[in-house]
């Protein structure tokens, strides 16, 4: 996402130099790890989920979220079917409410911008 934004967050140096700068908090949005730990310390107040969980274990992950929200018993198989369809990568890429194409239309990002790129895990 950040690779496409038309503001002064662009980085044009070598990848390994960026990684080193990131690890020692010398990037614009640092300190990332402390920021992450601050949220993680609120473990009971925040539901943590990874894209990988949704992609590889959609239904169990949604059931965990429903339980966290106190709605697990209300979730039917039909609702899970609909959610799985609505939350599919192809469906979301076509949905103007979530695909952020308006970023491109309003000039916030490069013309080649795509918020939702491939929908695949890099290791699969």
N, C-alpha and C. Protein backbone atom coordinates (compact mmCIF):
# COMPACT_ATOMS: atom_id res chain seq x y z
N UNK A 1 0.82 -1.19 0.00
CA UNK A 1 0.00 0.00 0.00
C UNK A 1 0.87 1.26 0.00
N UNK A 2 1.80 1.33 0.94
CA UNK A 2 2.62 2.54 1.03
C UNK A 2 3.44 2.78 -0.22
N UNK A 3 3.70 1.74 -0.98
CA UNK A 3 4.51 1.90 -2.19
C UNK A 3 3.83 2.80 -3.21
N UNK A 4 2.52 2.99 -3.09
CA UNK A 4 1.76 3.73 -4.09
C UNK A 4 1.36 5.13 -3.68
N UNK A 5 1.51 5.49 -2.43
CA UNK A 5 1.03 6.78 -1.96
C UNK A 5 1.92 7.91 -2.49
N UNK A 6 1.29 8.97 -2.97
CA UNK A 6 2.01 10.12 -3.55
C UNK A 6 2.35 11.17 -2.49
N UNK A 7 2.97 10.77 -1.41
CA UNK A 7 3.42 11.73 -0.40
C UNK A 7 4.88 11.43 -0.10
N UNK A 8 5.46 12.21 0.76
CA UNK A 8 6.90 12.09 1.02
C UNK A 8 7.25 10.89 1.89
N UNK A 9 6.67 9.75 1.64
CA UNK A 9 7.03 8.52 2.33
C UNK A 9 7.75 7.57 1.40
N UNK A 10 8.07 8.03 0.23
CA UNK A 10 8.71 7.14 -0.74
C UNK A 10 10.13 6.85 -0.32
N UNK A 11 10.59 5.68 -0.66
CA UNK A 11 11.96 5.26 -0.37
C UNK A 11 12.52 4.67 -1.64
N UNK A 12 13.66 5.15 -2.06
CA UNK A 12 14.20 4.68 -3.33
C UNK A 12 15.53 3.96 -3.18
N UNK A 13 15.97 3.74 -1.95
CA UNK A 13 17.25 3.07 -1.73
C UNK A 13 17.13 1.56 -1.82
N UNK A 14 18.23 0.88 -1.54
CA UNK A 14 18.23 -0.59 -1.59
C UNK A 14 17.35 -1.19 -0.49
N UNK A 15 16.74 -2.32 -0.80
CA UNK A 15 15.83 -2.99 0.13
C UNK A 15 16.54 -3.32 1.44
N UNK A 16 17.75 -3.87 1.38
CA UNK A 16 18.44 -4.26 2.62
C UNK A 16 18.73 -3.05 3.51
N UNK A 17 18.96 -1.90 2.92
CA UNK A 17 19.17 -0.68 3.71
C UNK A 17 17.86 -0.25 4.39
N UNK A 18 16.75 -0.37 3.67
CA UNK A 18 15.45 -0.05 4.27
C UNK A 18 15.17 -0.97 5.45
N UNK A 19 15.42 -2.27 5.27
CA UNK A 19 15.17 -3.24 6.35
C UNK A 19 16.00 -2.88 7.57
N UNK A 20 17.27 -2.57 7.38
CA UNK A 20 18.12 -2.18 8.51
C UNK A 20 17.58 -0.92 9.19
N UNK A 21 17.18 0.06 8.43
CA UNK A 21 16.61 1.29 8.99
C UNK A 21 15.32 1.00 9.75
N UNK A 22 14.51 0.13 9.20
CA UNK A 22 13.25 -0.25 9.85
C UNK A 22 13.52 -0.91 11.19
N UNK A 23 14.50 -1.82 11.22
CA UNK A 23 14.80 -2.57 12.44
C UNK A 23 15.35 -1.69 13.56
N UNK A 24 15.96 -0.58 13.22
CA UNK A 24 16.49 0.31 14.26
C UNK A 24 15.69 1.62 14.37
N UNK A 25 14.46 1.56 13.90
CA UNK A 25 13.51 2.67 14.06
C UNK A 25 13.94 3.96 13.37
N UNK A 26 14.53 3.85 12.21
CA UNK A 26 14.94 5.04 11.46
C UNK A 26 14.09 5.24 10.21
N UNK A 27 12.82 4.92 10.32
CA UNK A 27 11.88 5.17 9.23
C UNK A 27 10.78 6.09 9.74
N UNK A 28 10.04 6.67 8.83
CA UNK A 28 9.04 7.69 9.15
C UNK A 28 8.04 7.25 10.22
N UNK A 29 7.56 6.03 10.13
CA UNK A 29 6.49 5.56 11.01
C UNK A 29 7.02 4.73 12.17
N UNK A 30 8.26 4.92 12.55
CA UNK A 30 8.86 4.18 13.66
C UNK A 30 8.44 4.80 14.99
N UNK A 31 8.51 4.06 16.07
CA UNK A 31 8.97 2.68 16.22
C UNK A 31 7.83 1.67 16.04
N UNK A 32 7.89 0.90 15.01
CA UNK A 32 6.84 -0.05 14.68
C UNK A 32 6.66 -1.10 15.76
N UNK A 33 7.75 -1.67 16.23
CA UNK A 33 7.64 -2.79 17.18
C UNK A 33 7.04 -2.33 18.50
N UNK A 34 7.41 -1.17 18.99
CA UNK A 34 6.82 -0.66 20.23
C UNK A 34 5.33 -0.39 20.02
N UNK A 35 4.99 0.18 18.87
CA UNK A 35 3.59 0.42 18.52
C UNK A 35 2.81 -0.90 18.55
N UNK A 36 3.37 -1.92 17.95
CA UNK A 36 2.73 -3.23 17.92
C UNK A 36 2.59 -3.81 19.32
N UNK A 37 3.63 -3.72 20.13
CA UNK A 37 3.59 -4.23 21.50
C UNK A 37 2.56 -3.49 22.34
N UNK A 38 2.43 -2.18 22.13
CA UNK A 38 1.42 -1.42 22.88
C UNK A 38 0.03 -1.99 22.63
N UNK A 39 -0.27 -2.29 21.39
CA UNK A 39 -1.58 -2.87 21.08
C UNK A 39 -1.68 -4.29 21.59
N UNK A 40 -0.62 -5.04 21.47
CA UNK A 40 -0.66 -6.44 21.90
C UNK A 40 -0.85 -6.54 23.41
N UNK A 41 -0.39 -5.55 24.15
CA UNK A 41 -0.58 -5.57 25.60
C UNK A 41 -2.06 -5.42 25.98
N UNK A 42 -2.87 -4.96 25.04
CA UNK A 42 -4.31 -4.84 25.25
C UNK A 42 -5.03 -6.08 24.72
N UNK A 43 -4.38 -7.21 24.80
CA UNK A 43 -4.81 -8.46 24.17
C UNK A 43 -6.30 -8.76 24.34
N UNK A 44 -6.85 -8.53 25.53
CA UNK A 44 -8.26 -8.85 25.75
C UNK A 44 -9.19 -7.83 25.11
N UNK A 45 -8.69 -6.66 24.79
CA UNK A 45 -9.52 -5.60 24.23
C UNK A 45 -9.50 -5.53 22.72
N UNK A 46 -8.54 -6.21 22.10
CA UNK A 46 -8.38 -6.13 20.65
C UNK A 46 -8.35 -7.54 20.07
N UNK A 47 -9.07 -7.74 18.99
CA UNK A 47 -9.06 -9.02 18.29
C UNK A 47 -7.97 -8.97 17.23
N UNK A 48 -6.98 -9.84 17.37
CA UNK A 48 -5.89 -9.89 16.40
C UNK A 48 -6.16 -10.99 15.39
N UNK A 49 -5.99 -10.66 14.12
CA UNK A 49 -6.17 -11.65 13.06
C UNK A 49 -5.18 -11.32 11.94
N UNK A 50 -4.69 -12.35 11.30
CA UNK A 50 -3.78 -12.18 10.17
C UNK A 50 -4.50 -12.57 8.89
N UNK A 51 -4.11 -11.94 7.82
CA UNK A 51 -4.67 -12.27 6.50
C UNK A 51 -4.50 -13.76 6.22
N UNK A 52 -3.35 -14.29 6.62
CA UNK A 52 -3.07 -15.72 6.40
C UNK A 52 -4.13 -16.59 7.07
N UNK A 53 -4.57 -16.19 8.27
CA UNK A 53 -5.62 -16.95 8.97
C UNK A 53 -6.92 -16.94 8.18
N UNK A 54 -7.29 -15.79 7.67
CA UNK A 54 -8.53 -15.70 6.90
C UNK A 54 -8.44 -16.46 5.59
N UNK A 55 -7.28 -16.45 4.98
CA UNK A 55 -7.12 -17.12 3.69
C UNK A 55 -7.08 -18.64 3.84
N UNK A 56 -6.43 -19.12 4.87
CA UNK A 56 -6.25 -20.57 5.01
C UNK A 56 -7.26 -21.23 5.95
N UNK A 57 -7.84 -20.47 6.87
CA UNK A 57 -8.79 -21.02 7.85
C UNK A 57 -9.95 -20.05 8.06
N UNK A 58 -10.63 -19.72 6.99
CA UNK A 58 -11.64 -18.66 7.05
C UNK A 58 -12.71 -18.93 8.11
N UNK A 59 -13.38 -20.06 8.01
CA UNK A 59 -14.51 -20.32 8.92
C UNK A 59 -14.10 -20.38 10.39
N UNK A 60 -13.04 -21.11 10.75
CA UNK A 60 -12.63 -21.09 12.16
C UNK A 60 -12.24 -19.69 12.64
N UNK A 61 -11.62 -18.90 11.77
CA UNK A 61 -11.23 -17.55 12.15
C UNK A 61 -12.45 -16.67 12.36
N UNK A 62 -13.44 -16.79 11.49
CA UNK A 62 -14.67 -16.00 11.64
C UNK A 62 -15.42 -16.45 12.89
N UNK A 63 -15.42 -17.73 13.17
CA UNK A 63 -16.07 -18.21 14.40
C UNK A 63 -15.37 -17.65 15.65
N UNK A 64 -14.04 -17.58 15.61
CA UNK A 64 -13.29 -16.97 16.72
C UNK A 64 -13.67 -15.51 16.89
N UNK A 65 -13.79 -14.79 15.77
CA UNK A 65 -14.20 -13.38 15.82
C UNK A 65 -15.62 -13.25 16.37
N UNK A 66 -16.51 -14.11 15.91
CA UNK A 66 -17.89 -14.07 16.40
C UNK A 66 -17.93 -14.34 17.91
N UNK A 67 -17.13 -15.30 18.37
CA UNK A 67 -17.07 -15.58 19.81
C UNK A 67 -16.54 -14.37 20.58
N UNK A 68 -15.53 -13.73 20.04
CA UNK A 68 -14.96 -12.53 20.66
C UNK A 68 -16.03 -11.44 20.78
N UNK A 69 -16.89 -11.34 19.78
CA UNK A 69 -17.96 -10.34 19.78
C UNK A 69 -19.21 -10.80 20.52
N UNK A 70 -19.17 -12.03 21.04
CA UNK A 70 -20.31 -12.57 21.76
C UNK A 70 -21.45 -12.98 20.85
N UNK A 71 -21.15 -13.31 19.60
CA UNK A 71 -22.18 -13.62 18.61
C UNK A 71 -22.05 -15.02 18.02
N UNK A 72 -21.21 -15.85 18.59
CA UNK A 72 -20.92 -17.15 17.98
C UNK A 72 -22.17 -18.01 17.78
N UNK A 73 -23.06 -18.02 18.77
CA UNK A 73 -24.26 -18.86 18.66
C UNK A 73 -25.25 -18.35 17.63
N UNK A 74 -25.13 -17.08 17.27
CA UNK A 74 -26.05 -16.49 16.29
C UNK A 74 -25.60 -16.71 14.86
N UNK A 75 -24.39 -17.19 14.64
CA UNK A 75 -23.82 -17.33 13.31
C UNK A 75 -24.25 -18.66 12.68
N UNK A 76 -25.03 -18.57 11.61
CA UNK A 76 -25.53 -19.78 10.94
C UNK A 76 -24.59 -20.18 9.79
N UNK A 77 -24.76 -21.39 9.31
CA UNK A 77 -23.97 -21.86 8.17
C UNK A 77 -24.27 -21.01 6.93
N UNK A 78 -25.52 -20.61 6.77
CA UNK A 78 -25.88 -19.76 5.64
C UNK A 78 -25.15 -18.41 5.72
N UNK A 79 -25.08 -17.85 6.91
CA UNK A 79 -24.35 -16.59 7.09
C UNK A 79 -22.86 -16.77 6.81
N UNK A 80 -22.31 -17.89 7.26
CA UNK A 80 -20.90 -18.18 6.98
C UNK A 80 -20.66 -18.30 5.48
N UNK A 81 -21.59 -18.94 4.78
CA UNK A 81 -21.48 -19.06 3.32
C UNK A 81 -21.44 -17.68 2.67
N UNK A 82 -22.35 -16.80 3.09
CA UNK A 82 -22.40 -15.44 2.54
C UNK A 82 -21.13 -14.67 2.87
N UNK A 83 -20.70 -14.76 4.11
CA UNK A 83 -19.48 -14.06 4.52
C UNK A 83 -18.27 -14.53 3.71
N UNK A 84 -18.19 -15.84 3.53
CA UNK A 84 -17.05 -16.38 2.78
C UNK A 84 -17.06 -15.87 1.34
N UNK A 85 -18.24 -15.75 0.76
CA UNK A 85 -18.35 -15.23 -0.60
C UNK A 85 -18.00 -13.74 -0.62
N UNK A 86 -18.61 -12.95 0.28
CA UNK A 86 -18.38 -11.51 0.32
C UNK A 86 -16.93 -11.16 0.63
N UNK A 87 -16.30 -11.98 1.46
CA UNK A 87 -14.92 -11.70 1.87
C UNK A 87 -13.88 -12.34 0.96
N UNK A 88 -14.32 -12.98 -0.09
CA UNK A 88 -13.35 -13.57 -1.02
C UNK A 88 -12.56 -12.44 -1.68
N UNK A 89 -11.36 -12.75 -2.06
CA UNK A 89 -10.50 -11.73 -2.67
C UNK A 89 -11.15 -11.14 -3.92
N UNK A 90 -11.67 -11.99 -4.79
CA UNK A 90 -12.28 -11.50 -6.04
C UNK A 90 -13.46 -10.58 -5.77
N UNK A 91 -14.29 -10.94 -4.79
CA UNK A 91 -15.44 -10.10 -4.45
C UNK A 91 -14.98 -8.75 -3.90
N UNK A 92 -13.99 -8.77 -3.02
CA UNK A 92 -13.52 -7.52 -2.42
C UNK A 92 -12.82 -6.64 -3.45
N UNK A 93 -12.12 -7.25 -4.38
CA UNK A 93 -11.42 -6.46 -5.41
C UNK A 93 -12.42 -5.71 -6.29
N UNK A 94 -13.62 -6.26 -6.45
CA UNK A 94 -14.65 -5.62 -7.27
C UNK A 94 -15.54 -4.65 -6.47
N UNK A 95 -15.46 -4.70 -5.15
CA UNK A 95 -16.35 -3.91 -4.29
C UNK A 95 -15.78 -2.51 -4.05
N UNK A 96 -16.43 -1.46 -4.56
CA UNK A 96 -15.91 -0.10 -4.38
C UNK A 96 -15.85 0.36 -2.92
N UNK A 97 -16.57 -0.31 -2.04
CA UNK A 97 -16.52 0.07 -0.63
C UNK A 97 -15.22 -0.36 0.05
N UNK A 98 -14.52 -1.31 -0.54
CA UNK A 98 -13.30 -1.80 0.10
C UNK A 98 -12.07 -1.80 -0.80
N UNK A 99 -12.21 -1.55 -2.09
CA UNK A 99 -11.05 -1.67 -2.99
C UNK A 99 -10.21 -0.40 -3.09
N UNK A 100 -10.67 0.69 -2.52
CA UNK A 100 -9.93 1.95 -2.47
C UNK A 100 -9.54 2.49 -3.84
N UNK A 101 -10.28 2.15 -4.87
CA UNK A 101 -10.01 2.72 -6.20
C UNK A 101 -10.18 4.23 -6.20
N UNK A 102 -10.99 4.75 -5.28
CA UNK A 102 -11.18 6.20 -5.19
C UNK A 102 -9.88 6.90 -4.82
N UNK A 103 -8.94 6.20 -4.16
CA UNK A 103 -7.63 6.79 -3.89
C UNK A 103 -6.98 7.21 -5.21
N UNK A 104 -7.07 6.33 -6.21
CA UNK A 104 -6.49 6.58 -7.53
C UNK A 104 -7.27 7.69 -8.22
N UNK A 105 -8.60 7.60 -8.17
CA UNK A 105 -9.45 8.57 -8.84
C UNK A 105 -9.26 9.99 -8.30
N UNK A 106 -8.99 10.12 -7.02
CA UNK A 106 -8.81 11.43 -6.40
C UNK A 106 -7.36 11.90 -6.44
N UNK A 107 -6.45 11.10 -6.99
CA UNK A 107 -5.06 11.50 -7.12
C UNK A 107 -4.21 11.31 -5.89
N UNK A 108 -4.68 10.54 -4.92
CA UNK A 108 -3.90 10.29 -3.71
C UNK A 108 -2.76 9.30 -3.95
N UNK A 109 -2.89 8.51 -4.98
CA UNK A 109 -1.91 7.45 -5.26
C UNK A 109 -1.57 7.44 -6.74
N UNK A 110 -0.56 6.68 -7.09
CA UNK A 110 -0.17 6.53 -8.49
C UNK A 110 -1.31 5.92 -9.30
N UNK A 111 -1.33 6.19 -10.60
CA UNK A 111 -2.38 5.66 -11.48
C UNK A 111 -2.38 4.14 -11.53
N UNK A 112 -1.25 3.51 -11.28
CA UNK A 112 -1.18 2.05 -11.32
C UNK A 112 -1.58 1.41 -9.99
N UNK A 113 -2.02 2.23 -9.04
CA UNK A 113 -2.36 1.76 -7.70
C UNK A 113 -3.44 0.69 -7.71
N UNK A 114 -3.22 -0.34 -6.91
CA UNK A 114 -4.24 -1.34 -6.63
C UNK A 114 -4.08 -1.74 -5.17
N UNK A 115 -5.02 -1.34 -4.33
CA UNK A 115 -4.96 -1.65 -2.91
C UNK A 115 -4.97 -3.16 -2.70
N UNK A 116 -5.79 -3.84 -3.46
CA UNK A 116 -5.85 -5.30 -3.40
C UNK A 116 -5.10 -5.83 -4.62
N UNK A 117 -3.97 -6.44 -4.37
CA UNK A 117 -3.13 -6.83 -5.50
C UNK A 117 -3.42 -8.25 -5.98
N UNK A 118 -2.86 -9.28 -5.32
CA UNK A 118 -2.99 -10.64 -5.83
C UNK A 118 -3.84 -11.54 -4.95
N UNK A 119 -3.92 -11.25 -3.67
CA UNK A 119 -4.71 -12.07 -2.77
C UNK A 119 -4.10 -13.43 -2.49
N UNK A 120 -2.81 -13.52 -2.59
CA UNK A 120 -2.11 -14.79 -2.37
C UNK A 120 -1.06 -14.59 -1.29
N UNK A 121 -0.76 -15.68 -0.61
CA UNK A 121 0.34 -15.66 0.35
C UNK A 121 1.63 -15.86 -0.41
N UNK A 122 2.67 -15.19 0.02
CA UNK A 122 3.92 -15.26 -0.74
C UNK A 122 4.56 -16.64 -0.69
N UNK A 123 4.20 -17.46 0.30
CA UNK A 123 4.84 -18.77 0.42
C UNK A 123 3.97 -19.91 -0.10
N UNK A 124 2.80 -19.60 -0.64
CA UNK A 124 1.94 -20.66 -1.19
C UNK A 124 2.09 -20.72 -2.69
